[in-house]
């Protein structure tokens, strides 16, 4: 998983670096042989986007069809009540109340 996270960060950084170049380059260009086609930088950016999406999907950060993943579909924990048996752990709201003197 760590390797995939590093790869995802690398691809994301490359996409950010290429973003300005993509904005300056037209999507359709005329090649040296006279044919028109997609700009190589735009094609590369699209390929990196696919790679980024595949990595995020493999890591469980996104899913192809938009249906929530099982891990993200669970109810987020509430901070209003500490978990039973947690000992000296207090809720965030209690901490803020004590910190602000209220």
N, C-alpha and C. Protein backbone atom coordinates (compact mmCIF):
# COMPACT_ATOMS: atom_id res chain seq x y z
N UNK A 1 0.81 -1.20 0.00
CA UNK A 1 0.00 0.00 0.00
C UNK A 1 0.86 1.26 0.00
N UNK A 2 1.94 1.23 0.74
CA UNK A 2 2.80 2.41 0.81
C UNK A 2 3.40 2.73 -0.56
N UNK A 3 3.79 1.69 -1.29
CA UNK A 3 4.33 1.89 -2.63
C UNK A 3 3.30 2.54 -3.54
N UNK A 4 2.06 2.10 -3.45
CA UNK A 4 1.00 2.67 -4.28
C UNK A 4 0.71 4.12 -3.88
N UNK A 5 0.79 4.43 -2.59
CA UNK A 5 0.57 5.81 -2.12
C UNK A 5 1.67 6.72 -2.67
N UNK A 6 2.91 6.24 -2.64
CA UNK A 6 4.02 7.04 -3.17
C UNK A 6 3.84 7.23 -4.67
N UNK A 7 3.45 6.19 -5.38
CA UNK A 7 3.22 6.30 -6.82
C UNK A 7 2.09 7.26 -7.13
N UNK A 8 1.02 7.21 -6.33
CA UNK A 8 -0.10 8.13 -6.51
C UNK A 8 0.35 9.57 -6.30
N UNK A 9 1.16 9.81 -5.28
CA UNK A 9 1.66 11.16 -5.02
C UNK A 9 2.56 11.63 -6.17
N UNK A 10 3.38 10.74 -6.70
CA UNK A 10 4.28 11.09 -7.81
C UNK A 10 3.48 11.45 -9.06
N UNK A 11 2.48 10.65 -9.39
CA UNK A 11 1.65 10.91 -10.57
C UNK A 11 0.88 12.22 -10.38
N UNK A 12 0.36 12.44 -9.19
CA UNK A 12 -0.37 13.68 -8.92
C UNK A 12 0.54 14.90 -9.08
N UNK A 13 1.77 14.79 -8.62
CA UNK A 13 2.72 15.90 -8.76
C UNK A 13 3.06 16.13 -10.22
N UNK A 14 3.25 15.06 -10.99
CA UNK A 14 3.53 15.21 -12.42
C UNK A 14 2.37 15.89 -13.14
N UNK A 15 1.15 15.52 -12.78
CA UNK A 15 -0.02 16.14 -13.40
C UNK A 15 -0.07 17.63 -13.07
N UNK A 16 0.24 17.98 -11.85
CA UNK A 16 0.24 19.39 -11.45
C UNK A 16 1.33 20.16 -12.20
N UNK A 17 2.49 19.54 -12.38
CA UNK A 17 3.58 20.20 -13.10
C UNK A 17 3.22 20.40 -14.57
N UNK A 18 2.50 19.46 -15.17
CA UNK A 18 2.16 19.53 -16.59
C UNK A 18 0.92 20.38 -16.86
N UNK A 19 0.21 20.76 -15.83
CA UNK A 19 -1.05 21.48 -16.01
C UNK A 19 -0.88 22.78 -16.79
N UNK A 20 0.12 23.56 -16.45
CA UNK A 20 0.34 24.84 -17.13
C UNK A 20 0.74 24.61 -18.58
N UNK A 21 1.59 23.62 -18.82
CA UNK A 21 1.97 23.30 -20.19
C UNK A 21 0.76 22.88 -21.02
N UNK A 22 -0.16 22.13 -20.42
CA UNK A 22 -1.38 21.72 -21.11
C UNK A 22 -2.25 22.94 -21.43
N UNK A 23 -2.28 23.90 -20.54
CA UNK A 23 -3.10 25.09 -20.77
C UNK A 23 -2.54 25.92 -21.92
N UNK A 24 -1.23 25.89 -22.12
CA UNK A 24 -0.60 26.68 -23.17
C UNK A 24 -0.60 25.96 -24.52
N UNK A 25 -0.78 24.65 -24.51
CA UNK A 25 -0.71 23.86 -25.74
C UNK A 25 -2.12 23.52 -26.21
N UNK A 26 -2.42 23.72 -27.51
CA UNK A 26 -3.74 23.33 -28.00
C UNK A 26 -3.91 21.81 -27.95
N UNK A 27 -5.15 21.38 -27.78
CA UNK A 27 -5.43 19.94 -27.67
C UNK A 27 -5.20 19.22 -28.99
N UNK A 28 -5.47 19.88 -30.11
CA UNK A 28 -5.25 19.29 -31.44
C UNK A 28 -4.11 20.04 -32.10
N UNK A 29 -3.10 19.32 -32.55
CA UNK A 29 -1.95 19.93 -33.19
C UNK A 29 -1.72 19.31 -34.56
N UNK A 30 -0.97 20.01 -35.40
CA UNK A 30 -0.57 19.47 -36.69
C UNK A 30 0.84 18.92 -36.53
N UNK A 31 0.99 17.64 -36.80
CA UNK A 31 2.28 16.97 -36.66
C UNK A 31 3.19 17.33 -37.84
N UNK A 32 4.45 16.96 -37.73
CA UNK A 32 5.45 17.28 -38.74
C UNK A 32 5.07 16.70 -40.12
N UNK A 33 4.44 15.54 -40.11
CA UNK A 33 4.07 14.91 -41.39
C UNK A 33 2.80 15.51 -42.00
N UNK A 34 2.21 16.52 -41.36
CA UNK A 34 1.05 17.20 -41.90
C UNK A 34 -0.29 16.70 -41.37
N UNK A 35 -0.29 15.61 -40.65
CA UNK A 35 -1.55 15.11 -40.09
C UNK A 35 -1.87 15.82 -38.79
N UNK A 36 -3.16 15.95 -38.51
CA UNK A 36 -3.54 16.54 -37.23
C UNK A 36 -3.91 15.42 -36.27
N UNK A 37 -3.69 15.71 -35.03
CA UNK A 37 -3.99 14.73 -34.00
C UNK A 37 -3.90 15.35 -32.62
N UNK A 38 -4.11 14.52 -31.66
CA UNK A 38 -4.09 14.96 -30.28
C UNK A 38 -2.67 15.34 -29.88
N UNK A 39 -2.56 16.40 -29.11
CA UNK A 39 -1.26 16.85 -28.62
C UNK A 39 -0.66 15.78 -27.71
N UNK A 40 0.62 15.48 -27.87
CA UNK A 40 1.25 14.45 -27.03
C UNK A 40 1.18 14.78 -25.53
N UNK A 41 1.28 16.06 -25.18
CA UNK A 41 1.22 16.42 -23.76
C UNK A 41 -0.17 16.19 -23.20
N UNK A 42 -1.20 16.43 -24.00
CA UNK A 42 -2.57 16.17 -23.55
C UNK A 42 -2.82 14.67 -23.43
N UNK A 43 -2.29 13.90 -24.37
CA UNK A 43 -2.43 12.44 -24.29
C UNK A 43 -1.72 11.89 -23.06
N UNK A 44 -0.54 12.44 -22.78
CA UNK A 44 0.21 12.00 -21.59
C UNK A 44 -0.54 12.37 -20.31
N UNK A 45 -1.12 13.56 -20.28
CA UNK A 45 -1.88 14.01 -19.10
C UNK A 45 -3.09 13.10 -18.89
N UNK A 46 -3.76 12.72 -19.97
CA UNK A 46 -4.91 11.83 -19.85
C UNK A 46 -4.49 10.45 -19.35
N UNK A 47 -3.35 9.95 -19.82
CA UNK A 47 -2.85 8.66 -19.35
C UNK A 47 -2.49 8.72 -17.87
N UNK A 48 -1.89 9.81 -17.43
CA UNK A 48 -1.57 9.95 -16.01
C UNK A 48 -2.84 10.05 -15.18
N UNK A 49 -3.88 10.67 -15.72
CA UNK A 49 -5.16 10.75 -15.01
C UNK A 49 -5.75 9.35 -14.83
N UNK A 50 -5.68 8.55 -15.87
CA UNK A 50 -6.17 7.16 -15.75
C UNK A 50 -5.36 6.37 -14.73
N UNK A 51 -4.04 6.57 -14.74
CA UNK A 51 -3.17 5.89 -13.79
C UNK A 51 -3.50 6.32 -12.36
N UNK A 52 -3.71 7.62 -12.17
CA UNK A 52 -4.05 8.13 -10.84
C UNK A 52 -5.38 7.56 -10.35
N UNK A 53 -6.37 7.48 -11.23
CA UNK A 53 -7.67 6.93 -10.86
C UNK A 53 -7.56 5.45 -10.51
N UNK A 54 -6.77 4.71 -11.28
CA UNK A 54 -6.59 3.28 -11.00
C UNK A 54 -5.90 3.07 -9.66
N UNK A 55 -4.87 3.86 -9.38
CA UNK A 55 -4.18 3.74 -8.09
C UNK A 55 -5.10 4.09 -6.93
N UNK A 56 -5.87 5.16 -7.08
CA UNK A 56 -6.80 5.55 -6.02
C UNK A 56 -7.86 4.48 -5.80
N UNK A 57 -8.32 3.87 -6.88
CA UNK A 57 -9.31 2.80 -6.76
C UNK A 57 -8.70 1.59 -6.07
N UNK A 58 -7.47 1.23 -6.43
CA UNK A 58 -6.80 0.08 -5.80
C UNK A 58 -6.54 0.32 -4.31
N UNK A 59 -6.31 1.58 -3.95
CA UNK A 59 -6.09 1.91 -2.54
C UNK A 59 -7.39 2.03 -1.76
N UNK A 60 -8.52 2.04 -2.47
CA UNK A 60 -9.81 2.16 -1.80
C UNK A 60 -10.23 3.59 -1.57
N UNK A 61 -9.57 4.55 -2.23
CA UNK A 61 -9.90 5.96 -2.05
C UNK A 61 -11.04 6.41 -2.95
N UNK A 62 -11.30 5.69 -4.02
CA UNK A 62 -12.41 6.02 -4.91
C UNK A 62 -12.87 4.72 -5.54
N UNK A 63 -14.07 4.77 -6.10
CA UNK A 63 -14.57 3.60 -6.80
C UNK A 63 -15.10 4.05 -8.16
N UNK A 64 -15.05 3.16 -9.13
CA UNK A 64 -15.33 3.51 -10.51
C UNK A 64 -16.76 3.97 -10.72
N UNK A 65 -17.72 3.32 -10.09
CA UNK A 65 -19.12 3.62 -10.35
C UNK A 65 -19.71 4.64 -9.38
N UNK A 66 -18.93 5.15 -8.44
CA UNK A 66 -19.41 6.18 -7.54
C UNK A 66 -20.15 5.66 -6.32
N UNK A 67 -20.31 4.35 -6.21
CA UNK A 67 -20.96 3.78 -5.03
C UNK A 67 -19.96 3.81 -3.87
N UNK A 68 -20.43 4.21 -2.73
CA UNK A 68 -19.54 4.33 -1.57
C UNK A 68 -18.94 2.99 -1.22
N UNK A 69 -17.66 3.00 -0.86
CA UNK A 69 -16.98 1.79 -0.44
C UNK A 69 -17.46 1.39 0.94
N UNK A 70 -17.30 0.13 1.25
CA UNK A 70 -17.77 -0.37 2.54
C UNK A 70 -17.11 0.37 3.70
N UNK A 71 -15.82 0.65 3.60
CA UNK A 71 -15.12 1.33 4.69
C UNK A 71 -15.59 2.76 4.84
N UNK A 72 -15.88 3.44 3.74
CA UNK A 72 -16.30 4.82 3.85
C UNK A 72 -17.80 4.95 4.06
N UNK A 73 -18.54 3.85 3.91
CA UNK A 73 -19.99 3.90 4.08
C UNK A 73 -20.39 3.79 5.55
N UNK A 74 -19.45 3.43 6.40
CA UNK A 74 -19.78 3.31 7.81
C UNK A 74 -19.99 4.69 8.40
N UNK A 75 -20.77 4.76 9.45
CA UNK A 75 -21.06 6.03 10.10
C UNK A 75 -19.79 6.57 10.75
N UNK A 76 -19.47 7.85 10.51
CA UNK A 76 -18.27 8.40 11.14
C UNK A 76 -18.43 8.45 12.65
N UNK A 77 -17.34 8.27 13.37
CA UNK A 77 -17.44 8.28 14.84
C UNK A 77 -17.81 9.66 15.33
N UNK A 78 -18.61 9.69 16.36
CA UNK A 78 -19.00 10.97 16.96
C UNK A 78 -17.96 11.36 18.01
N UNK A 79 -17.73 12.63 18.16
CA UNK A 79 -16.78 13.09 19.17
C UNK A 79 -17.50 13.59 20.42
N UNK A 80 -18.82 13.50 20.42
CA UNK A 80 -19.59 14.00 21.56
C UNK A 80 -19.42 13.12 22.79
N UNK A 81 -19.27 11.83 22.59
CA UNK A 81 -19.15 10.90 23.71
C UNK A 81 -17.88 10.08 23.56
N UNK A 82 -17.08 9.95 24.62
CA UNK A 82 -15.91 9.07 24.53
C UNK A 82 -16.36 7.62 24.47
N UNK A 83 -15.52 6.78 23.89
CA UNK A 83 -15.86 5.36 23.81
C UNK A 83 -15.86 4.77 25.20
N UNK A 84 -16.74 3.78 25.44
CA UNK A 84 -16.75 3.16 26.77
C UNK A 84 -15.42 2.46 27.04
N UNK A 85 -14.93 2.60 28.25
CA UNK A 85 -13.68 1.95 28.65
C UNK A 85 -12.45 2.64 28.10
N UNK A 86 -12.58 3.88 27.67
CA UNK A 86 -11.43 4.55 27.07
C UNK A 86 -10.54 5.23 28.11
N UNK A 87 -10.92 5.21 29.35
CA UNK A 87 -10.08 5.74 30.41
C UNK A 87 -9.99 7.25 30.39
N UNK A 88 -8.78 7.79 30.16
CA UNK A 88 -8.58 9.23 30.25
C UNK A 88 -8.86 9.97 28.93
N UNK A 89 -9.45 9.33 27.95
CA UNK A 89 -9.77 9.97 26.68
C UNK A 89 -11.08 10.74 26.84
N UNK A 90 -11.11 11.97 26.36
CA UNK A 90 -12.32 12.78 26.44
C UNK A 90 -12.72 13.22 25.04
N UNK A 91 -13.94 13.67 24.91
CA UNK A 91 -14.42 14.11 23.60
C UNK A 91 -13.77 15.43 23.21
N UNK A 92 -13.78 15.72 21.94
CA UNK A 92 -13.20 16.97 21.43
C UNK A 92 -13.96 18.17 21.98
N UNK A 93 -15.29 18.04 22.06
CA UNK A 93 -16.09 19.14 22.57
C UNK A 93 -15.74 19.44 24.03
N UNK A 94 -15.54 18.39 24.85
CA UNK A 94 -15.14 18.60 26.25
C UNK A 94 -13.76 19.25 26.32
N UNK A 95 -12.85 18.81 25.46
CA UNK A 95 -11.52 19.39 25.43
C UNK A 95 -11.58 20.88 25.11
N UNK A 96 -12.37 21.24 24.08
CA UNK A 96 -12.49 22.65 23.70
C UNK A 96 -13.16 23.46 24.80
N UNK A 97 -14.16 22.88 25.47
CA UNK A 97 -14.83 23.58 26.56
C UNK A 97 -13.85 23.88 27.68
N UNK A 98 -12.99 22.89 28.03
CA UNK A 98 -12.00 23.10 29.07
C UNK A 98 -10.94 24.09 28.63
N UNK A 99 -10.54 24.03 27.35
CA UNK A 99 -9.48 24.91 26.85
C UNK A 99 -9.93 26.37 26.78
N UNK A 100 -11.20 26.59 26.51
CA UNK A 100 -11.70 27.97 26.41
C UNK A 100 -12.28 28.46 27.73
N UNK A 101 -12.34 27.61 28.72
CA UNK A 101 -12.83 28.02 30.03
C UNK A 101 -14.35 28.11 30.08
N UNK A 102 -15.01 27.46 29.11
CA UNK A 102 -16.47 27.57 29.07
C UNK A 102 -17.07 26.34 29.53
